[in-house]
């Protein structure tokens, strides 16, 4: 499935390195290492799919190593031993084994209490907890000592001088002592027993491994400490404290403000449910059944999604459609700091984000993911979701809110986990395990895994779960229940209504605070702690993220063209290079801060200008039509370029004189140069005209604004064949014989980037987005050079014609030259086979 590239690729500043688990593209950007050589190009320059070996597929039940060759049995996946050459079999594994400290891990990854091991009951479901039990089947009888490994030691063998337990705990230091002498060596409580004394400790302390000294119990380090929010340990005790907005009541933190309510659904109505038997407050009645709900309390919006894949919002007075997409939405979540919506879609197997104010939506994750329910925590820049991986391996996954840094927190395989929810104040995630019929919880960092005491849920029909403060709320076929987390035996049925879904509605569940996105330049701002600024910029799926992190081009989306003839004006490469045609002439013009803006004219359709030997023409793609317009005619046109910002066209005929024609006033005037010119390229930012003399020995520049003339470079015996201007980064590239050269737009020393034994046969093109140069040779065909990694690739076997997008296949009118293509070359220049000489290409 395709990705929205500007969302999944991490853009780096010069000199930065990729993070562990990432792979660096030739253009310097980073992608997940698992996307390397997966037959789907994710780097903008396609370098992740080059130089790939094609191993035979792994047999069933085996894991295919990532970024290398090899297969590992599934049983060896995430077993702590690196078996793949790059260690990919141990990547994206859950913290530890996902089980509690006192739990036992089944072969199917289910976690069961330690005491369930070898108790004669199949608690795992696969019988693995009852295998290889040996002498430890059953439990120790009363009065017998239980060793840490489960062995049972009769009373008469305690303190008999012969260790029965592997750790020797049946032979403590208290053996052979009496309490009347020095308290039997016990630091606190002493009781005489046959063979010695038995030491004990008061509450808050525990007996150390030597059996005589009591040491502090750190209650706060337990998986589920007695405090609902903050816990501080002291010797022999502890104390609790709460976040702002809560007050302490014994060990529980209670909201200081109003009582919480639940946002839920009754039939087709969004309702607020009071927890004191008050009538429901109906907010809005929808036209179809809501399948997921969320809210933005600070902005006063309530959101819901239906089975048709649409998302709506209401303030209780009016409603509006936020998103009309594809069916399959399973959950909604709100970034209340910035007002964004997040959602999961099981049919498209993706996570999305959108701005409800109409700025568009973006795909955050859509590769190696199958998400169901999700929650977000913008105050920590995190999002969480239940994911189904290869082999039905289910995990609770975590990532930053821009989709980076993804990892598994907990293994949920075989649990049939559902109803994922988040208690913001305690920073804990909760869910229901259908298999265990229990409520499970874990901290947002993956620690503190805990199963609430059995018996809390009366049936397996539990439909929804919510947690706030010290209270747990859930619904089943009887109605709405609540219980204190530390007193689960005291549960109460508080509403008779059946609620199919719900979320806690309270201001402390969406605490306000500062956001890194507040002053960002982004059209869509994604929170992350990987970036020092605290955010990354993204664009709607139909737009492109520009190097300045803005999305100002209204029509800068992936151009969809059909090509099927050698004389048509584009060849599309098999991988994604072709998709990044994002020049500002497709959408408008540049403003004075060098950013794309919408043209003031009514023209909103992609256009190309091309030239023949006698005319300059324009092709416009409008509502499924290809409209061809002749702009003007002239004899012997050699080269041209368009200044879209200033509505000007520059061209040269066989006289070697640059001419400027206004596209609005239709006036033509000469442009001065130092030498006769046969090739020009325009700096769209400054309006400077870079030219190559007809003797192919000099590169110069002329500016119309101040009449500035300057020679930038003169070759020493070479022949300049083509020139390309990267006005975004301030560089000029040209072909000189078999050498690829560069210098700054202000001139300066020339640098040789590449020297090929076989010369160039056509033009050089710069992919601005991927920061790579492309050219063709007789021997290698199409090739590219990464200007970051300084690596070259050949794509002779990767060329094919493509139709990208919907609609029927059609052949566009034969066009000999587009934009920077020359119809007739200067004297001595060699035209490529099958067409006129081409000077660059519209590929960005």
Foldseek 3Di string as FASTA:
>chain_A
DDFLQQLAKADDDPPDDDDPQWDAALQGIIHGQQVQCPPAQRFLVSRSNPPDDDDDDDDPQWDAAGPAGDIHGPLQQCPPDQDTPVSRSNPQAADPLQEFPQWDAFSLSDTDGVVVQQAPDQLPVVNRSNPPCPQQHHAEDPQWDAAPVRDTHHNVPQLPPDQPHPVSLSNAPFFPFDCVPPHSLAPDHWADDVRGIQHADDAQWGADSNRHYIFGDFQVPALCHLALADWADDGSGIDADFDPQWDDDGRFTHGPDDDWWKFFDDQQFTWTHDLQPDDIHTQDGDPAHFQEWDAQVVVQKIWTAHQQGWIKIDNSPDIDTQDRDHGAWAYWEAPNQQQKIWTAGQVQQFIKIDHSVPQAIGTQDRPQWRWHYKYAQQVQQKIWTWTQGPPRFIFIWMDGQSNPPIHGLRTCRPQPWDQWEAARGRQKIWIARLSQRWIWMGHVNNGSTDTQDPPLHVDSQWQHWEDYTQKIWTFGQQAIKMDGSVCSVDMDHRDRDGTNYIYIDDCSSNDYDDALCPPDQASDWRADPVDVSRTAHDHHSQFDQDPVRYTAFPRQGFDFDFADDPLAADFDFQHNLNRRLRDLQQGAAADLVRDRHHHPDPDGFGKWWWDAQWFIKMWTCDPNDTDIGTQDTHHAWQWKAAQRHQQWIWTDGQVLWIWIAHSVVRDIDTQDAPARFRAWDALNNQRKIWTAHLQQFWIWIAHPVPRDTDTQGGDDPWGWFAKDAPNVVQKIWTFTWQWIWMDGVVHDDIDTLDGDPFRFQAEWAAQNVSCKIWTAGPPQGIKIANPSNRDMDGCPVRTDTDGPDDDDRDHDPRGQTIRGQTNAGRPPHDAHPPGGGGHYGSRD
